[in-house]
């Protein structure tokens, strides 16, 4: 019988990093040179760091702290690289796309089912911008409260995977009741790390208005108790041949 580390793809390295050889001196020099000479324009456009929590749609008892490094492409669309921490050795575990309510309303109903609302995350103090004063981020929080997100997790580190294995998992946002309530210990750990209080955040955000309308197609599981999973299956490859080259 294979060991857990073998089933998960690799042994554990330091701080959960996949096991592997230390970075060589030559590689370090190459990386430093690349940093000096190459352009990193997409990465340099990341202008926000948000910390919140996410739940696996197929098993909402599995809950994780997530760190979103966000780029705003326009007023109605943001994209985020999602990591498991904000440390220098953080693992990239997924991506989230965030759209305004106006954009969300234009999506087909079957697509809307894959998205979650953000209003509760914002109002409840679960969504934070670490180390940023609330007074400064309040205008952005007001905007985010009216948005919807689609978050695919590509690396399930919480179950011990040492490499990104299998298909992506659709993630859901925290809710005020039922299966969507975030584990108190997760929130306490986050608050202690950033020296803040969720309860104080709730009070400071009392003036942030609730959206007048949250489309019921979002957070689809709440009404229908159904989730959406991704399976990998073998399929015949489509190959087109240009026979004109043989004439």
C-alpha atoms as a PDB file:
ATOM      1  CA  UNK A   1       0.000   0.000   0.000  1.00  0.00           C
ATOM      2  CA  UNK A   2       1.350   3.413  -0.919  1.00  0.00           C
ATOM      3  CA  UNK A   3       2.059   6.012   1.752  1.00  0.00           C
ATOM      4  CA  UNK A   4       0.079   9.231   2.103  1.00  0.00           C
ATOM      5  CA  UNK A   5       2.961  11.257   0.640  1.00  0.00           C
ATOM      6  CA  UNK A   6       3.129   8.905  -2.359  1.00  0.00           C
ATOM      7  CA  UNK A   7      -0.608   9.196  -2.935  1.00  0.00           C
ATOM      8  CA  UNK A   8      -0.355  12.973  -2.771  1.00  0.00           C
ATOM      9  CA  UNK A   9       2.393  13.144  -5.322  1.00  0.00           C
ATOM     10  CA  UNK A  10       5.497  14.059  -3.292  1.00  0.00           C
ATOM     11  CA  UNK A  11       6.919  14.262   0.169  1.00  0.00           C
ATOM     12  CA  UNK A  12       6.472  17.349   2.277  1.00  0.00           C
ATOM     13  CA  UNK A  13       9.168  19.959   2.195  1.00  0.00           C
ATOM     14  CA  UNK A  14       9.715  22.869   4.541  1.00  0.00           C
ATOM     15  CA  UNK A  15       6.485  24.678   5.439  1.00  0.00           C
ATOM     16  CA  UNK A  16       4.516  22.366   3.177  1.00  0.00           C
ATOM     17  CA  UNK A  17       6.491  23.251   0.037  1.00  0.00           C
ATOM     18  CA  UNK A  18       6.821  20.250  -2.311  1.00  0.00           C
ATOM     19  CA  UNK A  19       9.957  18.248  -1.665  1.00  0.00           C
ATOM     20  CA  UNK A  20      12.744  18.916  -4.136  1.00  0.00           C
ATOM     21  CA  UNK A  21      16.359  19.902  -4.568  1.00  0.00           C
ATOM     22  CA  UNK A  22      17.516  23.239  -3.122  1.00  0.00           C
ATOM     23  CA  UNK A  23      17.747  26.040  -5.669  1.00  0.00           C
ATOM     24  CA  UNK A  24      21.220  25.985  -7.191  1.00  0.00           C
ATOM     25  CA  UNK A  25      23.521  29.004  -7.304  1.00  0.00           C
ATOM     26  CA  UNK A  26      23.296  29.071 -11.089  1.00  0.00           C
ATOM     27  CA  UNK A  27      19.522  29.089 -10.963  1.00  0.00           C
ATOM     28  CA  UNK A  28      19.531  31.915  -8.405  1.00  0.00           C
ATOM     29  CA  UNK A  29      21.742  34.009 -10.688  1.00  0.00           C
ATOM     30  CA  UNK A  30      19.471  33.303 -13.646  1.00  0.00           C
ATOM     31  CA  UNK A  31      16.374  34.252 -11.666  1.00  0.00           C
ATOM     32  CA  UNK A  32      17.945  37.502 -10.447  1.00  0.00           C
ATOM     33  CA  UNK A  33      18.963  38.394 -13.986  1.00  0.00           C
ATOM     34  CA  UNK A  34      15.439  37.715 -15.226  1.00  0.00           C
ATOM     35  CA  UNK A  35      14.023  39.985 -12.544  1.00  0.00           C
ATOM     36  CA  UNK A  36      16.298  42.796 -13.702  1.00  0.00           C
ATOM     37  CA  UNK A  37      15.794  42.391 -17.447  1.00  0.00           C
ATOM     38  CA  UNK A  38      12.299  41.073 -18.007  1.00  0.00           C
ATOM     39  CA  UNK A  39       8.947  42.790 -17.796  1.00  0.00           C
ATOM     40  CA  UNK A  40       6.462  41.764 -15.094  1.00  0.00           C
ATOM     41  CA  UNK A  41       3.681  44.152 -16.100  1.00  0.00           C
ATOM     42  CA  UNK A  42       0.736  41.849 -15.274  1.00  0.00           C
ATOM     43  CA  UNK A  43       2.078  41.123 -11.799  1.00  0.00           C
ATOM     44  CA  UNK A  44       2.965  44.740 -11.155  1.00  0.00           C
ATOM     45  CA  UNK A  45      -0.679  45.674 -11.738  1.00  0.00           C
ATOM     46  CA  UNK A  46      -1.766  43.782  -8.614  1.00  0.00           C
ATOM     47  CA  UNK A  47      -3.005  46.567  -6.383  1.00  0.00           C
ATOM     48  CA  UNK A  48      -4.889  44.856  -3.549  1.00  0.00           C
ATOM     49  CA  UNK A  49      -4.288  42.078  -1.046  1.00  0.00           C
ATOM     50  CA  UNK A  50      -7.478  40.659   0.446  1.00  0.00           C
ATOM     51  CA  UNK A  51      -7.734  37.887   3.023  1.00  0.00           C
ATOM     52  CA  UNK A  52     -10.957  35.927   3.419  1.00  0.00           C
ATOM     53  CA  UNK A  53     -12.262  32.364   3.652  1.00  0.00           C
ATOM     54  CA  UNK A  54     -13.613  29.883   1.123  1.00  0.00           C
ATOM     55  CA  UNK A  55     -15.537  26.615   1.316  1.00  0.00           C
ATOM     56  CA  UNK A  56     -15.381  23.649  -1.042  1.00  0.00           C
ATOM     57  CA  UNK A  57     -18.720  23.375  -2.828  1.00  0.00           C
ATOM     58  CA  UNK A  58     -18.724  19.568  -2.659  1.00  0.00           C
ATOM     59  CA  UNK A  59     -17.869  19.487   1.056  1.00  0.00           C
ATOM     60  CA  UNK A  60     -18.510  22.737   2.907  1.00  0.00           C
ATOM     61  CA  UNK A  61     -16.989  21.374   6.110  1.00  0.00           C
ATOM     62  CA  UNK A  62     -13.670  21.881   4.326  1.00  0.00           C
ATOM     63  CA  UNK A  63     -12.857  25.555   4.792  1.00  0.00           C
ATOM     64  CA  UNK A  64      -9.656  27.456   4.079  1.00  0.00           C
ATOM     65  CA  UNK A  65      -8.134  30.877   4.612  1.00  0.00           C
ATOM     66  CA  UNK A  66      -7.329  32.477   1.281  1.00  0.00           C
ATOM     67  CA  UNK A  67      -5.177  35.395   0.175  1.00  0.00           C
ATOM     68  CA  UNK A  68      -6.197  37.181  -3.001  1.00  0.00           C
ATOM     69  CA  UNK A  69      -3.757  39.388  -4.887  1.00  0.00           C
ATOM     70  CA  UNK A  70      -6.045  41.434  -7.079  1.00  0.00           C
ATOM     71  CA  UNK A  71      -5.728  43.283 -10.365  1.00  0.00           C
ATOM     72  CA  UNK A  72      -8.518  45.599 -11.514  1.00  0.00           C
ATOM     73  CA  UNK A  73      -8.940  45.537 -15.282  1.00  0.00           C
ATOM     74  CA  UNK A  74     -11.825  48.001 -15.194  1.00  0.00           C
ATOM     75  CA  UNK A  75     -14.551  49.163 -12.817  1.00  0.00           C
ATOM     76  CA  UNK A  76     -16.620  46.035 -13.448  1.00  0.00           C
ATOM     77  CA  UNK A  77     -13.982  43.301 -13.527  1.00  0.00           C
ATOM     78  CA  UNK A  78     -11.205  42.153 -11.202  1.00  0.00           C
ATOM     79  CA  UNK A  79      -8.984  39.099 -11.333  1.00  0.00           C
ATOM     80  CA  UNK A  80      -7.089  37.546  -8.449  1.00  0.00           C
ATOM     81  CA  UNK A  81      -4.273  35.083  -7.963  1.00  0.00           C
ATOM     82  CA  UNK A  82      -5.192  33.162  -4.811  1.00  0.00           C
ATOM     83  CA  UNK A  83      -2.533  31.924  -2.375  1.00  0.00           C
ATOM     84  CA  UNK A  84      -2.713  29.987   0.880  1.00  0.00           C
ATOM     85  CA  UNK A  85      -0.883  32.714   2.797  1.00  0.00           C
ATOM     86  CA  UNK A  86       0.892  36.039   2.307  1.00  0.00           C
ATOM     87  CA  UNK A  87       4.313  34.610   3.145  1.00  0.00           C
ATOM     88  CA  UNK A  88       7.161  34.587   0.638  1.00  0.00           C
ATOM     89  CA  UNK A  89       6.806  30.814   0.168  1.00  0.00           C
ATOM     90  CA  UNK A  90       3.016  30.899  -0.253  1.00  0.00           C
ATOM     91  CA  UNK A  91       1.501  28.366  -2.620  1.00  0.00           C
ATOM     92  CA  UNK A  92      -0.642  29.488  -5.557  1.00  0.00           C
ATOM     93  CA  UNK A  93      -3.867  27.540  -5.002  1.00  0.00           C
ATOM     94  CA  UNK A  94      -6.308  29.037  -7.469  1.00  0.00           C
ATOM     95  CA  UNK A  95      -7.833  31.976  -9.276  1.00  0.00           C
ATOM     96  CA  UNK A  96     -10.905  34.102  -8.686  1.00  0.00           C
ATOM     97  CA  UNK A  97     -12.720  36.377 -11.080  1.00  0.00           C
ATOM     98  CA  UNK A  98     -14.871  39.138  -9.621  1.00  0.00           C
ATOM     99  CA  UNK A  99     -17.565  41.035 -11.531  1.00  0.00           C
ATOM    100  CA  UNK A 100     -19.935  43.869 -10.739  1.00  0.00           C
ATOM    101  CA  UNK A 101     -23.630  43.229 -10.249  1.00  0.00           C
ATOM    102  CA  UNK A 102     -24.342  44.824 -13.637  1.00  0.00           C
ATOM    103  CA  UNK A 103     -22.000  42.378 -15.380  1.00  0.00           C
ATOM    104  CA  UNK A 104     -23.326  39.414 -13.418  1.00  0.00           C
ATOM    105  CA  UNK A 105     -26.916  40.128 -14.457  1.00  0.00           C
ATOM    106  CA  UNK A 106     -25.896  39.741 -18.114  1.00  0.00           C
ATOM    107  CA  UNK A 107     -24.525  36.208 -17.613  1.00  0.00           C
ATOM    108  CA  UNK A 108     -26.587  33.175 -18.703  1.00  0.00           C
ATOM    109  CA  UNK A 109     -28.411  31.469 -15.797  1.00  0.00           C
ATOM    110  CA  UNK A 110     -26.318  28.290 -16.049  1.00  0.00           C
ATOM    111  CA  UNK A 111     -23.185  30.384 -15.734  1.00  0.00           C
ATOM    112  CA  UNK A 112     -24.557  32.385 -12.798  1.00  0.00           C
ATOM    113  CA  UNK A 113     -24.887  29.127 -10.827  1.00  0.00           C
ATOM    114  CA  UNK A 114     -21.088  28.921 -10.618  1.00  0.00           C
ATOM    115  CA  UNK A 115     -20.719  32.285  -8.886  1.00  0.00           C
ATOM    116  CA  UNK A 116     -21.078  33.417  -5.276  1.00  0.00           C
ATOM    117  CA  UNK A 117     -22.078  36.720  -3.688  1.00  0.00           C
ATOM    118  CA  UNK A 118     -19.714  38.833  -1.566  1.00  0.00           C
ATOM    119  CA  UNK A 119     -22.134  40.917   0.512  1.00  0.00           C
ATOM    120  CA  UNK A 120     -22.020  38.766   3.642  1.00  0.00           C
ATOM    121  CA  UNK A 121     -18.224  38.393   3.512  1.00  0.00           C
ATOM    122  CA  UNK A 122     -17.854  42.159   3.520  1.00  0.00           C
ATOM    123  CA  UNK A 123     -20.501  43.040   6.106  1.00  0.00           C
ATOM    124  CA  UNK A 124     -19.433  40.285   8.511  1.00  0.00           C
ATOM    125  CA  UNK A 125     -15.773  41.309   8.636  1.00  0.00           C
ATOM    126  CA  UNK A 126     -14.551  38.076   7.054  1.00  0.00           C
ATOM    127  CA  UNK A 127     -13.111  39.882   4.010  1.00  0.00           C
ATOM    128  CA  UNK A 128     -10.237  42.140   5.050  1.00  0.00           C
ATOM    129  CA  UNK A 129      -7.402  44.078   3.469  1.00  0.00           C
ATOM    130  CA  UNK A 130      -4.525  43.243   5.841  1.00  0.00           C
ATOM    131  CA  UNK A 131      -2.655  46.168   7.371  1.00  0.00           C
ATOM    132  CA  UNK A 132      -4.881  48.718   5.642  1.00  0.00           C
ATOM    133  CA  UNK A 133      -6.952  51.113   7.814  1.00  0.00           C
ATOM    134  CA  UNK A 134     -10.679  50.518   7.483  1.00  0.00           C
ATOM    135  CA  UNK A 135     -11.267  54.196   6.712  1.00  0.00           C
ATOM    136  CA  UNK A 136      -9.122  53.933   3.596  1.00  0.00           C
ATOM    137  CA  UNK A 137     -10.622  50.701   2.251  1.00  0.00           C
ATOM    138  CA  UNK A 138     -14.280  51.470   3.027  1.00  0.00           C
ATOM    139  CA  UNK A 139     -15.038  52.876  -0.466  1.00  0.00           C
ATOM    140  CA  UNK A 140     -13.665  49.682  -2.028  1.00  0.00           C
ATOM    141  CA  UNK A 141     -15.604  47.520   0.439  1.00  0.00           C
ATOM    142  CA  UNK A 142     -18.821  49.285  -0.594  1.00  0.00           C
ATOM    143  CA  UNK A 143     -18.085  48.357  -4.205  1.00  0.00           C
ATOM    144  CA  UNK A 144     -17.113  44.773  -3.382  1.00  0.00           C
ATOM    145  CA  UNK A 145     -20.292  44.183  -1.386  1.00  0.00           C
ATOM    146  CA  UNK A 146     -22.213  44.351  -4.661  1.00  0.00           C
ATOM    147  CA  UNK A 147     -19.941  41.986  -6.604  1.00  0.00           C
ATOM    148  CA  UNK A 148     -19.961  38.290  -7.441  1.00  0.00           C
ATOM    149  CA  UNK A 149     -17.000  35.916  -7.635  1.00  0.00           C
ATOM    150  CA  UNK A 150     -16.086  32.650  -9.340  1.00  0.00           C
ATOM    151  CA  UNK A 151     -13.231  30.897  -7.560  1.00  0.00           C
ATOM    152  CA  UNK A 152     -11.563  27.720  -8.808  1.00  0.00           C
ATOM    153  CA  UNK A 153      -9.184  26.016  -6.391  1.00  0.00           C
ATOM    154  CA  UNK A 154      -6.430  24.170  -8.263  1.00  0.00           C
ATOM    155  CA  UNK A 155      -4.327  22.962  -5.306  1.00  0.00           C
ATOM    156  CA  UNK A 156      -6.096  21.364  -2.361  1.00  0.00           C
ATOM    157  CA  UNK A 157      -3.397  21.902   0.240  1.00  0.00           C
ATOM    158  CA  UNK A 158      -5.849  21.474   3.106  1.00  0.00           C
ATOM    159  CA  UNK A 159      -6.159  17.741   2.421  1.00  0.00           C
ATOM    160  CA  UNK A 160      -2.386  17.358   2.356  1.00  0.00           C
ATOM    161  CA  UNK A 161      -1.716  17.495  -1.381  1.00  0.00           C
ATOM    162  CA  UNK A 162       1.941  18.371  -1.899  1.00  0.00           C
ATOM    163  CA  UNK A 163       1.375  19.100  -5.567  1.00  0.00           C
ATOM    164  CA  UNK A 164      -1.644  20.454  -7.506  1.00  0.00           C
ATOM    165  CA  UNK A 165      -3.519  17.199  -8.182  1.00  0.00           C
ATOM    166  CA  UNK A 166      -6.678  16.385 -10.080  1.00  0.00           C
ATOM    167  CA  UNK A 167      -9.297  18.737 -11.513  1.00  0.00           C
ATOM    168  CA  UNK A 168     -10.077  22.138  -9.998  1.00  0.00           C
ATOM    169  CA  UNK A 169     -12.734  22.521  -7.325  1.00  0.00           C
ATOM    170  CA  UNK A 170     -15.387  25.234  -7.337  1.00  0.00           C
ATOM    171  CA  UNK A 171     -15.355  27.242  -4.123  1.00  0.00           C
ATOM    172  CA  UNK A 172     -18.192  28.964  -2.285  1.00  0.00           C
ATOM    173  CA  UNK A 173     -18.296  32.053  -0.088  1.00  0.00           C
ATOM    174  CA  UNK A 174     -19.118  32.116   3.656  1.00  0.00           C
ATOM    175  CA  UNK A 175     -22.726  32.621   4.706  1.00  0.00           C
ATOM    176  CA  UNK A 176     -24.507  33.663   7.882  1.00  0.00           C
ATOM    177  CA  UNK A 177     -26.121  30.313   8.638  1.00  0.00           C
ATOM    178  CA  UNK A 178     -26.207  26.607   7.901  1.00  0.00           C
ATOM    179  CA  UNK A 179     -23.367  24.884   6.062  1.00  0.00           C
ATOM    180  CA  UNK A 180     -21.811  28.178   5.052  1.00  0.00           C
ATOM    181  CA  UNK A 181     -20.774  29.361   8.521  1.00  0.00           C
ATOM    182  CA  UNK A 182     -16.992  29.682   8.830  1.00  0.00           C
ATOM    183  CA  UNK A 183     -15.260  27.757  11.595  1.00  0.00           C
ATOM    184  CA  UNK A 184     -14.685  30.079  14.561  1.00  0.00           C
ATOM    185  CA  UNK A 185     -11.124  28.802  15.053  1.00  0.00           C
ATOM    186  CA  UNK A 186     -10.148  29.852  11.526  1.00  0.00           C
ATOM    187  CA  UNK A 187     -11.392  33.381  12.119  1.00  0.00           C
ATOM    188  CA  UNK A 188      -9.711  33.617  15.532  1.00  0.00           C
ATOM    189  CA  UNK A 189      -6.379  32.519  14.050  1.00  0.00           C
ATOM    190  CA  UNK A 190      -6.683  35.141  11.298  1.00  0.00           C
ATOM    191  CA  UNK A 191      -7.610  37.888  13.776  1.00  0.00           C
ATOM    192  CA  UNK A 192      -4.666  37.058  16.023  1.00  0.00           C
ATOM    193  CA  UNK A 193      -2.264  37.137  13.089  1.00  0.00           C
ATOM    194  CA  UNK A 194      -3.342  40.594  11.947  1.00  0.00           C
ATOM    195  CA  UNK A 195      -4.165  41.942  15.424  1.00  0.00           C
ATOM    196  CA  UNK A 196      -7.788  42.702  14.634  1.00  0.00           C
ATOM    197  CA  UNK A 197     -11.274  41.702  15.715  1.00  0.00           C
ATOM    198  CA  UNK A 198     -14.047  40.464  13.449  1.00  0.00           C
ATOM    199  CA  UNK A 199     -16.585  41.897  15.891  1.00  0.00           C
ATOM    200  CA  UNK A 200     -15.004  45.347  15.664  1.00  0.00           C
ATOM    201  CA  UNK A 201     -15.024  45.129  11.872  1.00  0.00           C
ATOM    202  CA  UNK A 202     -18.737  44.338  11.869  1.00  0.00           C
ATOM    203  CA  UNK A 203     -19.378  47.503  13.885  1.00  0.00           C
ATOM    204  CA  UNK A 204     -17.193  49.638  11.642  1.00  0.00           C
ATOM    205  CA  UNK A 205     -19.007  48.374   8.532  1.00  0.00           C
ATOM    206  CA  UNK A 206     -22.523  48.964   9.776  1.00  0.00           C
ATOM    207  CA  UNK A 207     -22.874  51.911   7.392  1.00  0.00           C
ATOM    208  CA  UNK A 208     -21.948  49.853   4.331  1.00  0.00           C
ATOM    209  CA  UNK A 209     -25.316  49.360   2.613  1.00  0.00           C
ATOM    210  CA  UNK A 210     -26.676  45.908   1.862  1.00  0.00           C
ATOM    211  CA  UNK A 211     -27.170  45.359  -1.868  1.00  0.00           C
ATOM    212  CA  UNK A 212     -30.746  46.030  -2.867  1.00  0.00           C
ATOM    213  CA  UNK A 213     -30.749  42.774  -4.822  1.00  0.00           C
ATOM    214  CA  UNK A 214     -28.642  39.598  -4.613  1.00  0.00           C
ATOM    215  CA  UNK A 215     -29.438  37.402  -7.571  1.00  0.00           C
ATOM    216  CA  UNK A 216     -30.691  34.014  -6.261  1.00  0.00           C
ATOM    217  CA  UNK A 217     -28.848  32.182  -9.035  1.00  0.00           C
ATOM    218  CA  UNK A 218     -25.640  33.011  -7.177  1.00  0.00           C
ATOM    219  CA  UNK A 219     -24.940  30.897  -4.082  1.00  0.00           C
ATOM    220  CA  UNK A 220     -26.998  28.277  -5.916  1.00  0.00           C
ATOM    221  CA  UNK A 221     -26.409  25.627  -3.244  1.00  0.00           C
ATOM    222  CA  UNK A 222     -28.328  27.598  -0.615  1.00  0.00           C
ATOM    223  CA  UNK A 223     -31.700  26.982  -2.251  1.00  0.00           C
ATOM    224  CA  UNK A 224     -31.051  23.773  -4.141  1.00  0.00           C
ATOM    225  CA  UNK A 225     -28.523  21.915  -1.932  1.00  0.00           C
ATOM    226  CA  UNK A 226     -26.555  20.997  -5.043  1.00  0.00           C
ATOM    227  CA  UNK A 227     -22.931  21.654  -5.933  1.00  0.00           C
ATOM    228  CA  UNK A 228     -20.974  21.556  -9.152  1.00  0.00           C
ATOM    229  CA  UNK A 229     -18.004  19.240  -9.559  1.00  0.00           C
ATOM    230  CA  UNK A 230     -15.439  18.814 -12.311  1.00  0.00           C
ATOM    231  CA  UNK A 231     -14.457  15.330 -13.502  1.00  0.00           C
ATOM    232  CA  UNK A 232     -11.660  14.361 -15.876  1.00  0.00           C
ATOM    233  CA  UNK A 233     -12.634  11.867 -18.545  1.00  0.00           C
ATOM    234  CA  UNK A 234     -10.899  10.397 -21.552  1.00  0.00           C
ATOM    235  CA  UNK A 235     -12.227  11.672 -24.839  1.00  0.00           C
ATOM    236  CA  UNK A 236     -11.382  11.240 -28.479  1.00  0.00           C
ATOM    237  CA  UNK A 237      -9.018  13.873 -29.809  1.00  0.00           C
ATOM    238  CA  UNK A 238     -10.222  15.976 -32.697  1.00  0.00           C
ATOM    239  CA  UNK A 239      -7.558  16.165 -35.386  1.00  0.00           C
ATOM    240  CA  UNK A 240      -8.000  18.193 -38.536  1.00  0.00           C
ATOM    241  CA  UNK A 241      -5.722  17.366 -41.438  1.00  0.00           C
ATOM    242  CA  UNK A 242      -5.046  19.790 -44.239  1.00  0.00           C
ATOM    243  CA  UNK A 243      -5.009  17.407 -47.219  1.00  0.00           C
ATOM    244  CA  UNK A 244      -4.243  20.234 -49.628  1.00  0.00           C
ATOM    245  CA  UNK A 245      -0.540  19.891 -48.834  1.00  0.00           C
ATOM    246  CA  UNK A 246      -0.568  16.433 -50.464  1.00  0.00           C
ATOM    247  CA  UNK A 247      -2.211  17.555 -53.755  1.00  0.00           C
END
